[in-house]
Amino acid sequence: MISRIKFIGIPVADQDLALEFYTEKLAFRILTDQSFGPTQRWIELSIPGVETGLALFTPPGHEDRIGTFVNTSWEVDNVDKTYEELLAKGVEFTAPPVKQPWGTSVIMKDSEGNTVVLASK
C-alpha cells in the first residue's frame, strides 16, 4: 500500500546553486548527495519536520522542464509571513501573496526559475 510521497523531483541545471538555494534560503536538509552516473549527482533533501523530500535532479532528455512550473503546492503556516521572510533572504516571487476564499497563496521562484505555489488555509 502507498504510505507517503518519498520525494518530488525538481529539475535543475546547476545542482550546486540549487543545493545552496534549498538549504540556505529554505532550510531544507541534505539526505543524500552522491554521484549518479558519469555527469550528475543525486541530491535528495528533506523538509524539517515532514517526511516528503525533494530530489534536485533532471533525468536526461528532460532538460526542457528546468525553469518551468513545478506542479505542486507546499503548505506553510502563514503565507504573508513566509513571503516576507523569504523575500528578505533574496527569494524571488512572481507577485505578492493573493487571498482567495479557500486560502492565501504566492508563487515562489527557485534558483533555476522553477515556480512553486506556497499556500495556507
PDB file of N, CA and C in Angstrom:
ATOM      1  N   MET A   1       0.829  -1.172   0.000  1.00  0.00           N
ATOM      2  CA  MET A   1       0.000   0.000   0.000  1.00  0.00           C
ATOM      3  C   MET A   1       0.878   1.242   0.000  1.00  0.00           C
ATOM      4  N   ILE A   2       0.468   2.269  -0.671  1.00  0.00           N
ATOM      5  CA  ILE A   2       1.224   3.520  -0.705  1.00  0.00           C
ATOM      6  C   ILE A   2       1.042   4.228   0.629  1.00  0.00           C
ATOM      7  N   SER A   3       2.151   4.640   1.250  1.00  0.00           N
ATOM      8  CA  SER A   3       2.071   5.262   2.563  1.00  0.00           C
ATOM      9  C   SER A   3       2.469   6.741   2.576  1.00  0.00           C
ATOM     10  N   ARG A   4       3.231   7.176   1.575  1.00  0.00           N
ATOM     11  CA  ARG A   4       3.639   8.582   1.522  1.00  0.00           C
ATOM     12  C   ARG A   4       4.324   8.861   0.194  1.00  0.00           C
ATOM     13  N   ILE A   5       4.544  10.122  -0.081  1.00  0.00           N
ATOM     14  CA  ILE A   5       5.362  10.516  -1.220  1.00  0.00           C
ATOM     15  C   ILE A   5       6.787  10.613  -0.697  1.00  0.00           C
ATOM     16  N   LYS A   6       7.683   9.810  -1.243  1.00  0.00           N
ATOM     17  CA  LYS A   6       9.075   9.810  -0.782  1.00  0.00           C
ATOM     18  C   LYS A   6       9.765  11.115  -1.148  1.00  0.00           C
ATOM     19  N   PHE A   7       9.639  11.534  -2.408  1.00  0.00           N
ATOM     20  CA  PHE A   7      10.190  12.812  -2.825  1.00  0.00           C
ATOM     21  C   PHE A   7       9.502  13.273  -4.099  1.00  0.00           C
ATOM     22  N   ILE A   8       9.603  14.565  -4.345  1.00  0.00           N
ATOM     23  CA  ILE A   8       9.195  15.112  -5.628  1.00  0.00           C
ATOM     24  C   ILE A   8      10.466  15.586  -6.316  1.00  0.00           C
ATOM     25  N   GLY A   9      10.490  15.507  -7.620  1.00  0.00           N
ATOM     26  CA  GLY A   9      11.664  15.929  -8.375  1.00  0.00           C
ATOM     27  C   GLY A   9      11.573  17.385  -8.774  1.00  0.00           C
ATOM     28  N   ILE A  10      12.657  18.098  -8.605  1.00  0.00           N
ATOM     29  CA  ILE A  10      12.768  19.488  -9.033  1.00  0.00           C
ATOM     30  C   ILE A  10      13.859  19.513 -10.106  1.00  0.00           C
ATOM     31  N   PRO A  11      13.503  19.832 -11.356  1.00  0.00           N
ATOM     32  CA  PRO A  11      14.516  19.838 -12.414  1.00  0.00           C
ATOM     33  C   PRO A  11      15.454  21.032 -12.279  1.00  0.00           C
ATOM     34  N   VAL A  12      16.750  20.764 -12.276  1.00  0.00           N
ATOM     35  CA  VAL A  12      17.750  21.820 -12.127  1.00  0.00           C
ATOM     36  C   VAL A  12      18.902  21.611 -13.100  1.00  0.00           C
ATOM     37  N   ALA A  13      19.508  22.701 -13.515  1.00  0.00           N
ATOM     38  CA  ALA A  13      20.692  22.638 -14.374  1.00  0.00           C
ATOM     39  C   ALA A  13      21.961  22.762 -13.533  1.00  0.00           C
ATOM     40  N   ASP A  14      21.937  23.646 -12.554  1.00  0.00           N
ATOM     41  CA  ASP A  14      23.089  23.890 -11.694  1.00  0.00           C
ATOM     42  C   ASP A  14      22.786  23.319 -10.315  1.00  0.00           C
ATOM     43  N   GLN A  15      23.225  22.094 -10.083  1.00  0.00           N
ATOM     44  CA  GLN A  15      22.895  21.423  -8.827  1.00  0.00           C
ATOM     45  C   GLN A  15      23.508  22.115  -7.616  1.00  0.00           C
ATOM     46  N   ASP A  16      24.703  22.686  -7.763  1.00  0.00           N
ATOM     47  CA  ASP A  16      25.322  23.391  -6.636  1.00  0.00           C
ATOM     48  C   ASP A  16      24.513  24.626  -6.255  1.00  0.00           C
ATOM     49  N   LEU A  17      24.098  25.401  -7.252  1.00  0.00           N
ATOM     50  CA  LEU A  17      23.289  26.596  -6.995  1.00  0.00           C
ATOM     51  C   LEU A  17      21.946  26.226  -6.376  1.00  0.00           C
ATOM     52  N   ALA A  18      21.310  25.181  -6.892  1.00  0.00           N
ATOM     53  CA  ALA A  18      20.028  24.725  -6.353  1.00  0.00           C
ATOM     54  C   ALA A  18      20.193  24.212  -4.920  1.00  0.00           C
ATOM     55  N   LEU A  19      21.253  23.474  -4.657  1.00  0.00           N
ATOM     56  CA  LEU A  19      21.512  22.963  -3.314  1.00  0.00           C
ATOM     57  C   LEU A  19      21.679  24.123  -2.329  1.00  0.00           C
ATOM     58  N   GLU A  20      22.412  25.130  -2.723  1.00  0.00           N
ATOM     59  CA  GLU A  20      22.591  26.311  -1.877  1.00  0.00           C
ATOM     60  C   GLU A  20      21.248  27.001  -1.620  1.00  0.00           C
ATOM     61  N   PHE A  21      20.433  27.157  -2.667  1.00  0.00           N
ATOM     62  CA  PHE A  21      19.132  27.807  -2.528  1.00  0.00           C
ATOM     63  C   PHE A  21      18.251  27.046  -1.539  1.00  0.00           C
ATOM     64  N   TYR A  22      18.093  25.755  -1.740  1.00  0.00           N
ATOM     65  CA  TYR A  22      17.166  24.976  -0.915  1.00  0.00           C
ATOM     66  C   TYR A  22      17.655  24.781   0.522  1.00  0.00           C
ATOM     67  N   THR A  23      18.963  24.715   0.725  1.00  0.00           N
ATOM     68  CA  THR A  23      19.458  24.532   2.095  1.00  0.00           C
ATOM     69  C   THR A  23      19.616  25.858   2.830  1.00  0.00           C
ATOM     70  N   GLU A  24      20.116  26.892   2.154  1.00  0.00           N
ATOM     71  CA  GLU A  24      20.371  28.152   2.841  1.00  0.00           C
ATOM     72  C   GLU A  24      19.149  29.059   2.916  1.00  0.00           C
ATOM     73  N   LYS A  25      18.337  29.105   1.876  1.00  0.00           N
ATOM     74  CA  LYS A  25      17.178  30.002   1.880  1.00  0.00           C
ATOM     75  C   LYS A  25      15.925  29.332   2.438  1.00  0.00           C
ATOM     76  N   LEU A  26      15.732  28.038   2.155  1.00  0.00           N
ATOM     77  CA  LEU A  26      14.529  27.347   2.612  1.00  0.00           C
ATOM     78  C   LEU A  26      14.773  26.416   3.796  1.00  0.00           C
ATOM     79  N   ALA A  27      16.028  26.265   4.218  1.00  0.00           N
ATOM     80  CA  ALA A  27      16.416  25.469   5.391  1.00  0.00           C
ATOM     81  C   ALA A  27      16.110  23.974   5.246  1.00  0.00           C
ATOM     82  N   PHE A  28      16.120  23.455   4.007  1.00  0.00           N
ATOM     83  CA  PHE A  28      15.970  22.018   3.814  1.00  0.00           C
ATOM     84  C   PHE A  28      17.277  21.334   4.219  1.00  0.00           C
ATOM     85  N   ARG A  29      17.195  20.044   4.572  1.00  0.00           N
ATOM     86  CA  ARG A  29      18.374  19.281   4.998  1.00  0.00           C
ATOM     87  C   ARG A  29      18.793  18.308   3.903  1.00  0.00           C
ATOM     88  N   ILE A  30      20.085  18.059   3.807  1.00  0.00           N
ATOM     89  CA  ILE A  30      20.614  17.110   2.824  1.00  0.00           C
ATOM     90  C   ILE A  30      20.468  15.698   3.367  1.00  0.00           C
ATOM     91  N   LEU A  31      19.771  14.832   2.624  1.00  0.00           N
ATOM     92  CA  LEU A  31      19.689  13.412   2.964  1.00  0.00           C
ATOM     93  C   LEU A  31      20.757  12.630   2.205  1.00  0.00           C
ATOM     94  N   THR A  32      20.915  12.950   0.927  1.00  0.00           N
ATOM     95  CA  THR A  32      21.867  12.257   0.063  1.00  0.00           C
ATOM     96  C   THR A  32      22.465  13.256  -0.921  1.00  0.00           C
ATOM     97  N   ASP A  33      23.760  13.171  -1.119  1.00  0.00           N
ATOM     98  CA  ASP A  33      24.452  13.942  -2.155  1.00  0.00           C
ATOM     99  C   ASP A  33      25.582  13.054  -2.644  1.00  0.00           C
ATOM    100  N   GLN A  34      25.326  12.359  -3.747  1.00  0.00           N
ATOM    101  CA  GLN A  34      26.308  11.401  -4.258  1.00  0.00           C
ATOM    102  C   GLN A  34      26.285  11.379  -5.779  1.00  0.00           C
ATOM    103  N   SER A  35      27.339  10.857  -6.369  1.00  0.00           N
ATOM    104  CA  SER A  35      27.381  10.800  -7.828  1.00  0.00           C
ATOM    105  C   SER A  35      26.309   9.844  -8.342  1.00  0.00           C
ATOM    106  N   PHE A  36      25.803  10.196  -9.517  1.00  0.00           N
ATOM    107  CA  PHE A  36      24.734   9.420 -10.155  1.00  0.00           C
ATOM    108  C   PHE A  36      25.082   9.398 -11.632  1.00  0.00           C
ATOM    109  N   GLY A  37      25.797   8.378 -12.030  1.00  0.00           N
ATOM    110  CA  GLY A  37      26.273   8.326 -13.405  1.00  0.00           C
ATOM    111  C   GLY A  37      27.508   9.191 -13.576  1.00  0.00           C
ATOM    112  N   PRO A  38      27.972   9.297 -14.791  1.00  0.00           N
ATOM    113  CA  PRO A  38      29.242   9.991 -15.032  1.00  0.00           C
ATOM    114  C   PRO A  38      29.179  11.514 -14.944  1.00  0.00           C
ATOM    115  N   THR A  39      27.994  12.124 -15.086  1.00  0.00           N
ATOM    116  CA  THR A  39      27.945  13.584 -15.156  1.00  0.00           C
ATOM    117  C   THR A  39      27.008  14.244 -14.153  1.00  0.00           C
ATOM    118  N   GLN A  40      26.269  13.480 -13.353  1.00  0.00           N
ATOM    119  CA  GLN A  40      25.320  14.098 -12.438  1.00  0.00           C
ATOM    120  C   GLN A  40      25.466  13.568 -11.026  1.00  0.00           C
ATOM    121  N   ARG A  41      24.789  14.265 -10.128  1.00  0.00           N
ATOM    122  CA  ARG A  41      24.707  13.839  -8.729  1.00  0.00           C
ATOM    123  C   ARG A  41      23.241  13.603  -8.396  1.00  0.00           C
ATOM    124  N   TRP A  42      23.025  12.722  -7.436  1.00  0.00           N
ATOM    125  CA  TRP A  42      21.679  12.534  -6.888  1.00  0.00           C
ATOM    126  C   TRP A  42      21.662  13.283  -5.574  1.00  0.00           C
ATOM    127  N   ILE A  43      20.872  14.343  -5.522  1.00  0.00           N
ATOM    128  CA  ILE A  43      20.759  15.148  -4.308  1.00  0.00           C
ATOM    129  C   ILE A  43      19.327  15.028  -3.816  1.00  0.00           C
ATOM    130  N   GLU A  44      19.178  14.466  -2.640  1.00  0.00           N
ATOM    131  CA  GLU A  44      17.858  14.320  -2.037  1.00  0.00           C
ATOM    132  C   GLU A  44      17.843  15.120  -0.744  1.00  0.00           C
ATOM    133  N   LEU A  45      16.815  15.945  -0.590  1.00  0.00           N
ATOM    134  CA  LEU A  45      16.681  16.821   0.565  1.00  0.00           C
ATOM    135  C   LEU A  45      15.433  16.473   1.344  1.00  0.00           C
ATOM    136  N   SER A  46      15.410  16.894   2.604  1.00  0.00           N
ATOM    137  CA  SER A  46      14.198  16.724   3.396  1.00  0.00           C
ATOM    138  C   SER A  46      13.758  18.073   3.941  1.00  0.00           C
ATOM    139  N   ILE A  47      12.462  18.179   4.154  1.00  0.00           N
ATOM    140  CA  ILE A  47      11.876  19.368   4.739  1.00  0.00           C
ATOM    141  C   ILE A  47      11.817  19.106   6.241  1.00  0.00           C
ATOM    142  N   PRO A  48      12.390  19.970   7.061  1.00  0.00           N
ATOM    143  CA  PRO A  48      12.374  19.720   8.506  1.00  0.00           C
ATOM    144  C   PRO A  48      10.961  19.486   9.030  1.00  0.00           C
ATOM    145  N   GLY A  49      10.787  18.398   9.769  1.00  0.00           N
ATOM    146  CA  GLY A  49       9.518  18.102  10.416  1.00  0.00           C
ATOM    147  C   GLY A  49       8.515  17.321   9.589  1.00  0.00           C
ATOM    148  N   VAL A  50       8.828  17.020   8.333  1.00  0.00           N
ATOM    149  CA  VAL A  50       7.905  16.249   7.490  1.00  0.00           C
ATOM    150  C   VAL A  50       8.662  15.130   6.784  1.00  0.00           C
ATOM    151  N   GLU A  51       7.928  14.196   6.221  1.00  0.00           N
ATOM    152  CA  GLU A  51       8.561  13.051   5.577  1.00  0.00           C
ATOM    153  C   GLU A  51       8.806  13.222   4.084  1.00  0.00           C
ATOM    154  N   THR A  52       8.055  14.086   3.415  1.00  0.00           N
ATOM    155  CA  THR A  52       8.236  14.265   1.978  1.00  0.00           C
ATOM    156  C   THR A  52       9.532  15.012   1.700  1.00  0.00           C
ATOM    157  N   GLY A  53      10.283  14.552   0.712  1.00  0.00           N
ATOM    158  CA  GLY A  53      11.542  15.185   0.362  1.00  0.00           C
ATOM    159  C   GLY A  53      11.551  15.705  -1.063  1.00  0.00           C
ATOM    160  N   LEU A  54      12.684  16.243  -1.462  1.00  0.00           N
ATOM    161  CA  LEU A  54      12.901  16.769  -2.806  1.00  0.00           C
ATOM    162  C   LEU A  54      14.136  16.137  -3.400  1.00  0.00           C
ATOM    163  N   ALA A  55      14.120  15.897  -4.690  1.00  0.00           N
ATOM    164  CA  ALA A  55      15.309  15.445  -5.406  1.00  0.00           C
ATOM    165  C   ALA A  55      15.666  16.515  -6.421  1.00  0.00           C
ATOM    166  N   LEU A  56      16.873  17.078  -6.302  1.00  0.00           N
ATOM    167  CA  LEU A  56      17.353  18.090  -7.241  1.00  0.00           C
ATOM    168  C   LEU A  56      18.067  17.356  -8.363  1.00  0.00           C
ATOM    169  N   PHE A  57      17.305  16.935  -9.343  1.00  0.00           N
ATOM    170  CA  PHE A  57      17.824  16.050 -10.383  1.00  0.00           C
ATOM    171  C   PHE A  57      16.989  16.211 -11.638  1.00  0.00           C
ATOM    172  N   THR A  58      17.653  16.202 -12.785  1.00  0.00           N
ATOM    173  CA  THR A  58      16.965  16.269 -14.067  1.00  0.00           C
ATOM    174  C   THR A  58      17.350  15.039 -14.875  1.00  0.00           C
ATOM    175  N   PRO A  59      16.394  14.149 -15.167  1.00  0.00           N
ATOM    176  CA  PRO A  59      16.717  12.990 -15.988  1.00  0.00           C
ATOM    177  C   PRO A  59      17.154  13.434 -17.385  1.00  0.00           C
ATOM    178  N   PRO A  60      18.094  12.726 -17.978  1.00  0.00           N
ATOM    179  CA  PRO A  60      18.498  13.056 -19.344  1.00  0.00           C
ATOM    180  C   PRO A  60      17.275  13.120 -20.264  1.00  0.00           C
ATOM    181  N   GLY A  61      17.248  14.142 -21.110  1.00  0.00           N
ATOM    182  CA  GLY A  61      16.137  14.307 -22.034  1.00  0.00           C
ATOM    183  C   GLY A  61      15.006  15.158 -21.479  1.00  0.00           C
ATOM    184  N   HIS A  62      15.100  15.557 -20.215  1.00  0.00           N
ATOM    185  CA  HIS A  62      14.050  16.367 -19.584  1.00  0.00           C
ATOM    186  C   HIS A  62      14.550  17.772 -19.239  1.00  0.00           C
ATOM    187  N   GLU A  63      15.616  18.195 -19.848  1.00  0.00           N
ATOM    188  CA  GLU A  63      16.188  19.500 -19.544  1.00  0.00           C
ATOM    189  C   GLU A  63      15.222  20.651 -19.853  1.00  0.00           C
ATOM    190  N   ASP A  64      14.267  20.429 -20.748  1.00  0.00           N
ATOM    191  CA  ASP A  64      13.305  21.482 -21.085  1.00  0.00           C
ATOM    192  C   ASP A  64      12.335  21.772 -19.937  1.00  0.00           C
ATOM    193  N   ARG A  65      12.327  20.960 -18.895  1.00  0.00           N
ATOM    194  CA  ARG A  65      11.468  21.194 -17.732  1.00  0.00           C
ATOM    195  C   ARG A  65      12.076  22.188 -16.754  1.00  0.00           C
ATOM    196  N   ILE A  66      13.383  22.438 -16.878  1.00  0.00           N
ATOM    197  CA  ILE A  66      14.064  23.364 -15.970  1.00  0.00           C
ATOM    198  C   ILE A  66      13.508  24.767 -16.191  1.00  0.00           C
ATOM    199  N   GLY A  67      13.160  25.430 -15.099  1.00  0.00           N
ATOM    200  CA  GLY A  67      12.656  26.793 -15.177  1.00  0.00           C
ATOM    201  C   GLY A  67      11.181  26.885 -15.500  1.00  0.00           C
ATOM    202  N   THR A  68      10.444  25.806 -15.259  1.00  0.00           N
ATOM    203  CA  THR A  68       9.008  25.802 -15.540  1.00  0.00           C
ATOM    204  C   THR A  68       8.229  25.656 -14.231  1.00  0.00           C
ATOM    205  N   PHE A  69       6.924  25.542 -14.352  1.00  0.00           N
ATOM    206  CA  PHE A  69       6.056  25.374 -13.193  1.00  0.00           C
ATOM    207  C   PHE A  69       6.196  23.962 -12.646  1.00  0.00           C
ATOM    208  N   VAL A  70       6.515  23.848 -11.362  1.00  0.00           N
ATOM    209  CA  VAL A  70       6.558  22.561 -10.681  1.00  0.00           C
ATOM    210  C   VAL A  70       5.143  22.319 -10.165  1.00  0.00           C
ATOM    211  N   ASN A  71       4.491  21.320 -10.680  1.00  0.00           N
ATOM    212  CA  ASN A  71       3.076  21.095 -10.399  1.00  0.00           C
ATOM    213  C   ASN A  71       2.888  20.531  -8.995  1.00  0.00           C
ATOM    214  N   THR A  72       3.104  21.399  -8.010  1.00  0.00           N
ATOM    215  CA  THR A  72       2.963  21.026  -6.612  1.00  0.00           C
ATOM    216  C   THR A  72       2.670  22.283  -5.802  1.00  0.00           C
ATOM    217  N   SER A  73       2.095  22.112  -4.647  1.00  0.00           N
ATOM    218  CA  SER A  73       1.835  23.220  -3.748  1.00  0.00           C
ATOM    219  C   SER A  73       2.373  22.840  -2.375  1.00  0.00           C
ATOM    220  N   TRP A  74       3.108  23.736  -1.775  1.00  0.00           N
ATOM    221  CA  TRP A  74       3.685  23.492  -0.464  1.00  0.00           C
ATOM    222  C   TRP A  74       2.925  24.294   0.573  1.00  0.00           C
ATOM    223  N   GLU A  75       2.452  23.616   1.612  1.00  0.00           N
ATOM    224  CA  GLU A  75       1.700  24.296   2.659  1.00  0.00           C
ATOM    225  C   GLU A  75       2.644  24.971   3.642  1.00  0.00           C
ATOM    226  N   VAL A  76       2.301  26.199   4.004  1.00  0.00           N
ATOM    227  CA  VAL A  76       3.029  26.949   5.018  1.00  0.00           C
ATOM    228  C   VAL A  76       2.011  27.426   6.062  1.00  0.00           C
ATOM    229  N   ASP A  77       2.502  27.727   7.264  1.00  0.00           N
ATOM    230  CA  ASP A  77       1.591  28.183   8.321  1.00  0.00           C
ATOM    231  C   ASP A  77       0.982  29.537   7.991  1.00  0.00           C
ATOM    232  N   ASN A  78       1.797  30.439   7.469  1.00  0.00           N
ATOM    233  CA  ASN A  78       1.348  31.809   7.217  1.00  0.00           C
ATOM    234  C   ASN A  78       2.036  32.299   5.943  1.00  0.00           C
ATOM    235  N   VAL A  79       1.293  32.414   4.859  1.00  0.00           N
ATOM    236  CA  VAL A  79       1.878  32.801   3.571  1.00  0.00           C
ATOM    237  C   VAL A  79       2.514  34.187   3.648  1.00  0.00           C
ATOM    238  N   ASP A  80       1.808  35.145   4.242  1.00  0.00           N
ATOM    239  CA  ASP A  80       2.345  36.506   4.299  1.00  0.00           C
ATOM    240  C   ASP A  80       3.674  36.559   5.048  1.00  0.00           C
ATOM    241  N   LYS A  81       3.742  35.893   6.191  1.00  0.00           N
ATOM    242  CA  LYS A  81       4.972  35.879   6.990  1.00  0.00           C
ATOM    243  C   LYS A  81       6.088  35.150   6.235  1.00  0.00           C
ATOM    244  N   THR A  82       5.780  34.001   5.642  1.00  0.00           N
ATOM    245  CA  THR A  82       6.774  33.239   4.879  1.00  0.00           C
ATOM    246  C   THR A  82       7.278  34.058   3.701  1.00  0.00           C
ATOM    247  N   TYR A  83       6.356  34.725   3.019  1.00  0.00           N
ATOM    248  CA  TYR A  83       6.716  35.587   1.892  1.00  0.00           C
ATOM    249  C   TYR A  83       7.719  36.659   2.337  1.00  0.00           C
ATOM    250  N   GLU A  84       7.436  37.345   3.432  1.00  0.00           N
ATOM    251  CA  GLU A  84       8.320  38.409   3.923  1.00  0.00           C
ATOM    252  C   GLU A  84       9.688  37.850   4.329  1.00  0.00           C
ATOM    253  N   GLU A  85       9.703  36.703   5.027  1.00  0.00           N
ATOM    254  CA  GLU A  85      10.968  36.099   5.461  1.00  0.00           C
ATOM    255  C   GLU A  85      11.814  35.675   4.271  1.00  0.00           C
ATOM    256  N   LEU A  86      11.195  35.033   3.277  1.00  0.00           N
ATOM    257  CA  LEU A  86      11.948  34.571   2.107  1.00  0.00           C
ATOM    258  C   LEU A  86      12.369  35.735   1.216  1.00  0.00           C
ATOM    259  N   LEU A  87      11.535  36.738   1.108  1.00  0.00           N
ATOM    260  CA  LEU A  87      11.887  37.933   0.338  1.00  0.00           C
ATOM    261  C   LEU A  87      13.141  38.579   0.931  1.00  0.00           C
ATOM    262  N   ALA A  88      13.221  38.624   2.267  1.00  0.00           N
ATOM    263  CA  ALA A  88      14.391  39.191   2.941  1.00  0.00           C
ATOM    264  C   ALA A  88      15.658  38.377   2.674  1.00  0.00           C
ATOM    265  N   LYS A  89      15.496  37.099   2.344  1.00  0.00           N
ATOM    266  CA  LYS A  89      16.637  36.232   2.019  1.00  0.00           C
ATOM    267  C   LYS A  89      16.978  36.272   0.530  1.00  0.00           C
ATOM    268  N   GLY A  90      16.250  37.079  -0.237  1.00  0.00           N
ATOM    269  CA  GLY A  90      16.539  37.208  -1.658  1.00  0.00           C
ATOM    270  C   GLY A  90      15.764  36.278  -2.558  1.00  0.00           C
ATOM    271  N   VAL A  91      14.758  35.575  -2.020  1.00  0.00           N
ATOM    272  CA  VAL A  91      13.947  34.681  -2.840  1.00  0.00           C
ATOM    273  C   VAL A  91      13.011  35.533  -3.702  1.00  0.00           C
ATOM    274  N   GLU A  92      12.881  35.151  -4.976  1.00  0.00           N
ATOM    275  CA  GLU A  92      12.007  35.872  -5.896  1.00  0.00           C
ATOM    276  C   GLU A  92      10.614  35.258  -5.912  1.00  0.00           C
ATOM    277  N   PHE A  93       9.626  36.111  -6.168  1.00  0.00           N
ATOM    278  CA  PHE A  93       8.236  35.692  -6.305  1.00  0.00           C
ATOM    279  C   PHE A  93       7.675  36.304  -7.580  1.00  0.00           C
ATOM    280  N   THR A  94       6.650  35.677  -8.139  1.00  0.00           N
ATOM    281  CA  THR A  94       6.044  36.223  -9.357  1.00  0.00           C
ATOM    282  C   THR A  94       5.156  37.409  -9.055  1.00  0.00           C
ATOM    283  N   ALA A  95       4.621  37.490  -7.840  1.00  0.00           N
ATOM    284  CA  ALA A  95       3.748  38.571  -7.393  1.00  0.00           C
ATOM    285  C   ALA A  95       3.583  38.423  -5.882  1.00  0.00           C
ATOM    286  N   PRO A  96       3.044  39.446  -5.220  1.00  0.00           N
ATOM    287  CA  PRO A  96       2.782  39.321  -3.784  1.00  0.00           C
ATOM    288  C   PRO A  96       1.696  38.270  -3.515  1.00  0.00           C
ATOM    289  N   PRO A  97       1.542  37.855  -2.250  1.00  0.00           N
ATOM    290  CA  PRO A  97       0.505  36.884  -1.897  1.00  0.00           C
ATOM    291  C   PRO A  97      -0.893  37.352  -2.300  1.00  0.00           C
ATOM    292  N   VAL A  98      -1.738  36.372  -2.613  1.00  0.00           N
ATOM    293  CA  VAL A  98      -3.118  36.637  -3.020  1.00  0.00           C
ATOM    294  C   VAL A  98      -4.048  35.893  -2.071  1.00  0.00           C
ATOM    295  N   LYS A  99      -5.029  36.607  -1.534  1.00  0.00           N
ATOM    296  CA  LYS A  99      -6.027  35.980  -0.659  1.00  0.00           C
ATOM    297  C   LYS A  99      -7.228  35.575  -1.503  1.00  0.00           C
ATOM    298  N   GLN A 100      -7.665  34.329  -1.324  1.00  0.00           N
ATOM    299  CA  GLN A 100      -8.825  33.773  -2.012  1.00  0.00           C
ATOM    300  C   GLN A 100      -9.766  33.203  -0.955  1.00  0.00           C
ATOM    301  N   PRO A 101     -10.993  32.898  -1.301  1.00  0.00           N
ATOM    302  CA  PRO A 101     -11.907  32.294  -0.322  1.00  0.00           C
ATOM    303  C   PRO A 101     -11.370  30.987   0.285  1.00  0.00           C
ATOM    304  N   TRP A 102     -10.594  30.251  -0.473  1.00  0.00           N
ATOM    305  CA  TRP A 102     -10.053  28.968   0.012  1.00  0.00           C
ATOM    306  C   TRP A 102      -8.754  29.105   0.781  1.00  0.00           C
ATOM    307  N   GLY A 103      -8.114  30.286   0.753  1.00  0.00           N
ATOM    308  CA  GLY A 103      -6.857  30.479   1.455  1.00  0.00           C
ATOM    309  C   GLY A 103      -5.989  31.513   0.769  1.00  0.00           C
ATOM    310  N   THR A 104      -4.742  31.589   1.191  1.00  0.00           N
ATOM    311  CA  THR A 104      -3.787  32.554   0.655  1.00  0.00           C
ATOM    312  C   THR A 104      -2.664  31.788  -0.038  1.00  0.00           C
ATOM    313  N   SER A 105      -2.180  32.344  -1.169  1.00  0.00           N
ATOM    314  CA  SER A 105      -1.096  31.686  -1.886  1.00  0.00           C
ATOM    315  C   SER A 105      -0.162  32.714  -2.501  1.00  0.00           C
ATOM    316  N   VAL A 106       1.017  32.237  -2.845  1.00  0.00           N
ATOM    317  CA  VAL A 106       2.020  33.046  -3.529  1.00  0.00           C
ATOM    318  C   VAL A 106       2.868  32.077  -4.355  1.00  0.00           C
ATOM    319  N   ILE A 107       3.417  32.553  -5.459  1.00  0.00           N
ATOM    320  CA  ILE A 107       4.246  31.694  -6.313  1.00  0.00           C
ATOM    321  C   ILE A 107       5.702  32.119  -6.163  1.00  0.00           C
ATOM    322  N   MET A 108       6.514  31.177  -5.691  1.00  0.00           N
ATOM    323  CA  MET A 108       7.933  31.379  -5.441  1.00  0.00           C
ATOM    324  C   MET A 108       8.740  30.890  -6.643  1.00  0.00           C
ATOM    325  N   LYS A 109       9.862  31.558  -6.899  1.00  0.00           N
ATOM    326  CA  LYS A 109      10.802  31.106  -7.924  1.00  0.00           C
ATOM    327  C   LYS A 109      12.064  30.602  -7.234  1.00  0.00           C
ATOM    328  N   ASP A 110      12.569  29.431  -7.666  1.00  0.00           N
ATOM    329  CA  ASP A 110      13.812  28.938  -7.087  1.00  0.00           C
ATOM    330  C   ASP A 110      14.997  29.446  -7.894  1.00  0.00           C
ATOM    331  N   SER A 111      16.178  28.960  -7.580  1.00  0.00           N
ATOM    332  CA  SER A 111      17.408  29.419  -8.229  1.00  0.00           C
ATOM    333  C   SER A 111      17.451  29.102  -9.722  1.00  0.00           C
ATOM    334  N   GLU A 112      16.649  28.149 -10.165  1.00  0.00           N
ATOM    335  CA  GLU A 112      16.634  27.729 -11.566  1.00  0.00           C
ATOM    336  C   GLU A 112      15.472  28.337 -12.347  1.00  0.00           C
ATOM    337  N   GLY A 113      14.642  29.156 -11.664  1.00  0.00           N
ATOM    338  CA  GLY A 113      13.474  29.735 -12.313  1.00  0.00           C
ATOM    339  C   GLY A 113      12.243  28.853 -12.228  1.00  0.00           C
ATOM    340  N   ASN A 114      12.353  27.699 -11.559  1.00  0.00           N
ATOM    341  CA  ASN A 114      11.184  26.857 -11.338  1.00  0.00           C
ATOM    342  C   ASN A 114      10.223  27.604 -10.421  1.00  0.00           C
ATOM    343  N   THR A 115       8.926  27.495 -10.677  1.00  0.00           N
ATOM    344  CA  THR A 115       7.946  28.158  -9.826  1.00  0.00           C
ATOM    345  C   THR A 115       7.149  27.125  -9.048  1.00  0.00           C
ATOM    346  N   VAL A 116       6.906  27.441  -7.767  1.00  0.00           N
ATOM    347  CA  VAL A 116       6.206  26.559  -6.840  1.00  0.00           C
ATOM    348  C   VAL A 116       5.201  27.395  -6.062  1.00  0.00           C
ATOM    349  N   VAL A 117       4.005  26.860  -5.861  1.00  0.00           N
ATOM    350  CA  VAL A 117       2.986  27.545  -5.073  1.00  0.00           C
ATOM    351  C   VAL A 117       3.220  27.281  -3.593  1.00  0.00           C
ATOM    352  N   LEU A 118       3.207  28.358  -2.804  1.00  0.00           N
ATOM    353  CA  LEU A 118       3.187  28.262  -1.345  1.00  0.00           C
ATOM    354  C   LEU A 118       1.790  28.683  -0.925  1.00  0.00           C
ATOM    355  N   ALA A 119       1.127  27.900  -0.081  1.00  0.00           N
ATOM    356  CA  ALA A 119      -0.254  28.198   0.273  1.00  0.00           C
ATOM    357  C   ALA A 119      -0.540  27.882   1.731  1.00  0.00           C
ATOM    358  N   SER A 120      -1.559  28.575   2.266  1.00  0.00           N
ATOM    359  CA  SER A 120      -2.066  28.293   3.600  1.00  0.00           C
ATOM    360  C   SER A 120      -3.579  28.389   3.558  1.00  0.00           C
ATOM    361  N   LYS A 121      -4.197  27.840   4.566  1.00  0.00           N
ATOM    362  CA  LYS A 121      -5.662  27.833   4.636  1.00  0.00           C
ATOM    363  C   LYS A 121      -6.203  29.190   4.942  1.00  0.00           C
TER     364      LYS A 121
END
